[in-house]
C-alpha atoms as a PDB file:
ATOM      1  CA  MET A   1      -2.901  14.682   7.527  1.00  0.00           C
ATOM      2  CA  THR A   2      -2.419  12.232   4.668  1.00  0.00           C
ATOM      3  CA  THR A   3      -1.093   8.836   5.603  1.00  0.00           C
ATOM      4  CA  PHE A   4       0.425   5.897   3.377  1.00  0.00           C
ATOM      5  CA  THR A   5      -0.241   2.699   4.940  1.00  0.00           C
ATOM      6  CA  VAL A   6      -0.067  -1.001   4.223  1.00  0.00           C
ATOM      7  CA  TRP A   7      -1.952  -3.565   6.341  1.00  0.00           C
ATOM      8  CA  LYS A   8      -0.306  -7.172   5.578  1.00  0.00           C
ATOM      9  CA  PHE A   9      -2.555 -10.154   5.940  1.00  0.00           C
ATOM     10  CA  ASN A  10      -1.559 -13.940   6.673  1.00  0.00           C
ATOM     11  CA  ASP A  11      -3.858 -15.210   4.074  1.00  0.00           C
ATOM     12  CA  PRO A  12      -4.743 -14.168   0.379  1.00  0.00           C
ATOM     13  CA  GLU A  13      -8.203 -13.093   1.092  1.00  0.00           C
ATOM     14  CA  GLY A  14      -7.617 -11.104   3.976  1.00  0.00           C
ATOM     15  CA  ALA A  15      -6.810  -7.704   2.106  1.00  0.00           C
ATOM     16  CA  ALA A  16     -10.092  -8.317   0.194  1.00  0.00           C
ATOM     17  CA  ARG A  17     -12.071  -8.609   3.575  1.00  0.00           C
ATOM     18  CA  ALA A  18     -10.231  -5.703   5.276  1.00  0.00           C
ATOM     19  CA  GLU A  19     -11.164  -3.474   2.410  1.00  0.00           C
ATOM     20  CA  LYS A  20     -14.937  -4.052   3.290  1.00  0.00           C
ATOM     21  CA  ALA A  21     -14.124  -2.785   7.003  1.00  0.00           C
ATOM     22  CA  LEU A  22     -12.047   0.184   5.301  1.00  0.00           C
ATOM     23  CA  THR A  23     -14.813   1.631   3.177  1.00  0.00           C
ATOM     24  CA  ALA A  24     -17.304   0.872   6.163  1.00  0.00           C
ATOM     25  CA  ALA A  25     -14.902   3.076   8.335  1.00  0.00           C
ATOM     26  CA  GLU A  26     -14.919   6.088   5.306  1.00  0.00           C
ATOM     27  CA  THR A  27     -18.878   5.769   5.866  1.00  0.00           C
ATOM     28  CA  ASP A  28     -18.374   6.324   9.640  1.00  0.00           C
ATOM     29  CA  GLY A  29     -16.112   9.245   9.145  1.00  0.00           C
ATOM     30  CA  ILE A  30     -13.234   7.297  10.356  1.00  0.00           C
ATOM     31  CA  VAL A  31     -11.087   7.891   7.539  1.00  0.00           C
ATOM     32  CA  LYS A  32     -10.860   9.490   4.033  1.00  0.00           C
ATOM     33  CA  ILE A  33      -9.888   7.205   1.588  1.00  0.00           C
ATOM     34  CA  VAL A  34      -7.702   9.063  -1.223  1.00  0.00           C
ATOM     35  CA  ASP A  35      -6.837   5.779  -2.826  1.00  0.00           C
ATOM     36  CA  HIS A  36      -5.924   2.060  -2.373  1.00  0.00           C
ATOM     37  CA  ALA A  37      -5.273  -1.102  -3.583  1.00  0.00           C
ATOM     38  CA  VAL A  38      -5.697  -4.744  -2.592  1.00  0.00           C
ATOM     39  CA  LEU A  39      -2.628  -7.232  -3.501  1.00  0.00           C
ATOM     40  CA  SER A  40      -3.345 -11.101  -3.117  1.00  0.00           C
ATOM     41  CA  TRP A  41      -0.538 -13.747  -3.142  1.00  0.00           C
ATOM     42  CA  PRO A  42      -2.105 -16.978  -3.625  1.00  0.00           C
ATOM     43  CA  GLU A  43       0.405 -20.034  -2.284  1.00  0.00           C
ATOM     44  CA  GLY A  44       2.173 -21.640  -5.008  1.00  0.00           C
ATOM     45  CA  ALA A  45       1.604 -18.596  -7.453  1.00  0.00           C
ATOM     46  CA  ASP A  46       4.731 -16.959  -9.311  1.00  0.00           C
ATOM     47  CA  LYS A  47       3.761 -13.496  -8.470  1.00  0.00           C
ATOM     48  CA  PRO A  48       1.192 -11.783  -6.670  1.00  0.00           C
ATOM     49  CA  GLU A  49      -1.944 -10.137  -8.368  1.00  0.00           C
ATOM     50  CA  LEU A  50      -2.853  -6.452  -7.767  1.00  0.00           C
ATOM     51  CA  GLU A  51      -6.197  -4.590  -8.125  1.00  0.00           C
ATOM     52  CA  HIS A  52      -6.319  -0.946  -7.994  1.00  0.00           C
ATOM     53  CA  LYS A  53      -9.399   0.272  -6.677  1.00  0.00           C
ATOM     54  CA  HIS A  54     -10.049   3.904  -7.356  1.00  0.00           C
ATOM     55  CA  ASP A  55     -13.187   4.971  -9.057  1.00  0.00           C
ATOM     56  CA  SER A  56     -11.768   8.124 -10.608  1.00  0.00           C
ATOM     57  CA  ALA A  57     -10.326   7.835 -14.102  1.00  0.00           C
ATOM     58  CA  LYS A  58      -8.874  11.162 -13.995  1.00  0.00           C
ATOM     59  CA  ARG A  59      -6.784  10.597 -11.115  1.00  0.00           C
ATOM     60  CA  GLY A  60      -6.851   6.724 -11.321  1.00  0.00           C
ATOM     61  CA  ALA A  61      -4.088   6.761 -13.916  1.00  0.00           C
ATOM     62  CA  GLY A  62      -1.569   8.442 -11.549  1.00  0.00           C
ATOM     63  CA  TRP A  63      -2.497   6.353  -8.484  1.00  0.00           C
ATOM     64  CA  GLY A  64      -2.066   3.513 -10.757  1.00  0.00           C
ATOM     65  CA  ALA A  65       1.560   4.284 -11.493  1.00  0.00           C
ATOM     66  CA  LEU A  66       2.261   4.187  -7.454  1.00  0.00           C
ATOM     67  CA  TRP A  67       0.585   1.033  -7.034  1.00  0.00           C
ATOM     68  CA  GLY A  68       2.226  -0.552 -10.030  1.00  0.00           C
ATOM     69  CA  ILE A  69       5.683   0.789  -8.382  1.00  0.00           C
ATOM     70  CA  LEU A  70       4.725  -0.851  -5.069  1.00  0.00           C
ATOM     71  CA  GLY A  71       2.596  -3.755  -5.850  1.00  0.00           C
ATOM     72  CA  GLY A  72       4.128  -4.716  -9.515  1.00  0.00           C
ATOM     73  CA  ALA A  73       7.467  -3.487  -9.843  1.00  0.00           C
ATOM     74  CA  LEU A  74       8.446  -4.542  -5.999  1.00  0.00           C
ATOM     75  CA  PHE A  75       7.390  -8.152  -6.178  1.00  0.00           C
ATOM     76  CA  MET A  76       9.444  -8.718  -9.493  1.00  0.00           C
ATOM     77  CA  VAL A  77      12.526  -7.793  -8.122  1.00  0.00           C
ATOM     78  CA  PRO A  78      14.426 -10.976  -8.156  1.00  0.00           C
ATOM     79  CA  VAL A  79      14.876 -12.266  -4.683  1.00  0.00           C
ATOM     80  CA  ALA A  80      18.691 -12.512  -4.732  1.00  0.00           C
ATOM     81  CA  GLY A  81      21.230 -10.709  -2.416  1.00  0.00           C
ATOM     82  CA  ALA A  82      22.659  -7.791  -4.158  1.00  0.00           C
ATOM     83  CA  ILE A  83      19.943  -7.957  -6.896  1.00  0.00           C
ATOM     84  CA  ILE A  84      17.178  -7.250  -4.656  1.00  0.00           C
ATOM     85  CA  GLY A  85      18.910  -4.238  -2.921  1.00  0.00           C
ATOM     86  CA  ALA A  86      19.617  -2.613  -6.302  1.00  0.00           C
ATOM     87  CA  GLY A  87      15.881  -3.001  -7.455  1.00  0.00           C
ATOM     88  CA  ILE A  88      14.561  -1.775  -4.124  1.00  0.00           C
ATOM     89  CA  GLY A  89      17.000   1.189  -4.400  1.00  0.00           C
ATOM     90  CA  ALA A  90      15.665   2.055  -7.782  1.00  0.00           C
ATOM     91  CA  LEU A  91      12.112   1.691  -6.372  1.00  0.00           C
ATOM     92  CA  ALA A  92      12.976   3.886  -3.392  1.00  0.00           C
ATOM     93  CA  LYS A  93      14.389   6.684  -5.876  1.00  0.00           C
ATOM     94  CA  ALA A  94      10.864   6.453  -7.652  1.00  0.00           C
ATOM     95  CA  THR A  95       9.514   7.125  -4.458  1.00  0.00           C
ATOM     96  CA  ALA A  96      11.663   9.814  -3.252  1.00  0.00           C
ATOM     97  CA  GLY A  97      10.413  12.750  -1.456  1.00  0.00           C
ATOM     98  CA  THR A  98       6.560  10.992  -0.953  1.00  0.00           C
ATOM     99  CA  GLY A  99       7.738   9.800   2.604  1.00  0.00           C
ATOM    100  CA  ILE A 100       7.856   6.043   1.127  1.00  0.00           C
ATOM    101  CA  THR A 101      11.323   5.090   2.559  1.00  0.00           C
ATOM    102  CA  LYS A 102      13.923   2.329   1.224  1.00  0.00           C
ATOM    103  CA  ASP A 103      13.220   0.702   4.607  1.00  0.00           C
ATOM    104  CA  ASP A 104       9.052   0.733   4.210  1.00  0.00           C
ATOM    105  CA  LEU A 105       9.897  -1.007   0.559  1.00  0.00           C
ATOM    106  CA  GLU A 106      12.103  -3.431   2.175  1.00  0.00           C
ATOM    107  CA  ARG A 107       9.822  -4.221   5.068  1.00  0.00           C
ATOM    108  CA  ILE A 108       6.891  -4.502   2.403  1.00  0.00           C
ATOM    109  CA  ARG A 109       8.824  -6.928  -0.178  1.00  0.00           C
ATOM    110  CA  THR A 110      10.031  -9.231   3.132  1.00  0.00           C
ATOM    111  CA  GLU A 111       6.558  -9.473   4.910  1.00  0.00           C
ATOM    112  CA  VAL A 112       4.426  -9.955   2.083  1.00  0.00           C
ATOM    113  CA  VAL A 113       5.093 -13.230   0.695  1.00  0.00           C
ATOM    114  CA  PRO A 114       3.027 -16.372  -0.800  1.00  0.00           C
ATOM    115  CA  GLY A 115      -0.147 -17.105   0.984  1.00  0.00           C
ATOM    116  CA  THR A 116      -0.540 -13.713   2.304  1.00  0.00           C
ATOM    117  CA  SER A 117      -2.091 -10.356   0.896  1.00  0.00           C
ATOM    118  CA  ALA A 118      -1.802  -6.675   1.609  1.00  0.00           C
ATOM    119  CA  LEU A 119      -4.244  -3.485   1.804  1.00  0.00           C
ATOM    120  CA  PHE A 120      -2.198  -0.172   0.321  1.00  0.00           C
ATOM    121  CA  MET A 121      -4.010   2.708   1.105  1.00  0.00           C
ATOM    122  CA  VAL A 122      -3.307   6.572   1.046  1.00  0.00           C
ATOM    123  CA  THR A 123      -5.871   8.122   3.541  1.00  0.00           C
ATOM    124  CA  ASP A 124      -6.802  11.787   4.799  1.00  0.00           C
ATOM    125  CA  GLU A 125      -8.211  12.611   8.133  1.00  0.00           C
ATOM    126  CA  ALA A 126      -7.600   9.319   9.326  1.00  0.00           C
ATOM    127  CA  ASN A 127      -7.754   7.958  13.199  1.00  0.00           C
ATOM    128  CA  LEU A 128      -5.270   4.940  12.606  1.00  0.00           C
ATOM    129  CA  ASP A 129      -6.319   3.750  16.146  1.00  0.00           C
ATOM    130  CA  ARG A 130      -9.861   3.567  15.439  1.00  0.00           C
ATOM    131  CA  LEU A 131      -9.402   2.165  11.902  1.00  0.00           C
ATOM    132  CA  GLY A 132      -6.773  -0.515  13.406  1.00  0.00           C
ATOM    133  CA  GLU A 133      -9.872  -1.428  15.536  1.00  0.00           C
ATOM    134  CA  ARG A 134     -11.685  -2.310  12.619  1.00  0.00           C
ATOM    135  CA  PHE A 135      -8.571  -4.799  11.525  1.00  0.00           C
ATOM    136  CA  HIS A 136      -8.517  -6.325  15.091  1.00  0.00           C
ATOM    137  CA  GLY A 137      -8.800 -10.170  15.099  1.00  0.00           C
ATOM    138  CA  ARG A 138      -7.819 -10.415  11.303  1.00  0.00           C
ATOM    139  CA  ASP A 139      -4.489 -11.330  11.789  1.00  0.00           C
ATOM    140  CA  ALA A 140      -2.906  -8.235  10.218  1.00  0.00           C
ATOM    141  CA  THR A 141       0.493  -6.433  10.496  1.00  0.00           C
ATOM    142  CA  LEU A 142       0.478  -2.498  10.159  1.00  0.00           C
ATOM    143  CA  ILE A 143       3.231  -1.099   7.876  1.00  0.00           C
ATOM    144  CA  SER A 144       2.579   2.825   8.216  1.00  0.00           C
ATOM    145  CA  THR A 145       4.177   5.976   7.240  1.00  0.00           C
ATOM    146  CA  ASN A 146       2.750   9.450   8.418  1.00  0.00           C
ATOM    147  CA  LEU A 147       3.630  12.176   5.443  1.00  0.00           C
ATOM    148  CA  THR A 148       4.782  15.653   6.125  1.00  0.00           C
ATOM    149  CA  GLU A 149       3.078  18.286   4.555  1.00  0.00           C
ATOM    150  CA  GLU A 150       5.990  18.265   1.834  1.00  0.00           C
ATOM    151  CA  GLU A 151       5.907  14.579   1.291  1.00  0.00           C
ATOM    152  CA  ARG A 152       2.059  14.858   1.080  1.00  0.00           C
ATOM    153  CA  LYS A 153       2.347  17.396  -1.579  1.00  0.00           C
ATOM    154  CA  ILE A 154       4.873  15.459  -3.632  1.00  0.00           C
ATOM    155  CA  LEU A 155       2.933  12.043  -3.195  1.00  0.00           C
ATOM    156  CA  LEU A 156      -0.281  13.769  -4.182  1.00  0.00           C
ATOM    157  CA  GLU A 157       1.811  15.826  -7.159  1.00  0.00           C
ATOM    158  CA  THR A 158       3.443  12.981  -8.308  1.00  0.00           C
ATOM    159  CA  PHE A 159       0.809  10.198  -8.290  1.00  0.00           C
ATOM    160  CA  GLY A 160      -2.375  11.464  -7.643  1.00  0.00           C
ATOM    161  CA  GLY A 161      -2.748  14.112 -10.343  1.00  0.00           C
ATOM    162  CA  ALA A 162      -3.165  17.230  -8.297  1.00  0.00           C
END
């Protein structure tokens, strides 16, 4: 099953460190990484920095669009009442049918703040319990969406160039 997952870390470098654990987990057969991105938001910075990690130029542009929507546009929305609600609503429309809900977007937006980081990933054939063990003791919070087959198809067609 394809899974969209966001791990939030309570320091700006946590996601980069967790990325190493993620790639090691793939080597150990615990997960197949479809694509991933690391977001870091140092304390005092106006906005987070997002680094897309996909190494396939053919599919990288599509996944870059997803990470741009989630990491860029999501955090450029002004933090002011109705404005943030409308902005997240527009983002939810952009990800409609992919299994990434408005609630997911709102939770990501409220939990990933200055002084934190996040590891965004789309994985397949993952043992999330065993993967979670790799992040144990890293002060991480899991935000996860298990996608249905139809949502997986839409996500891969929309962003993965399938």
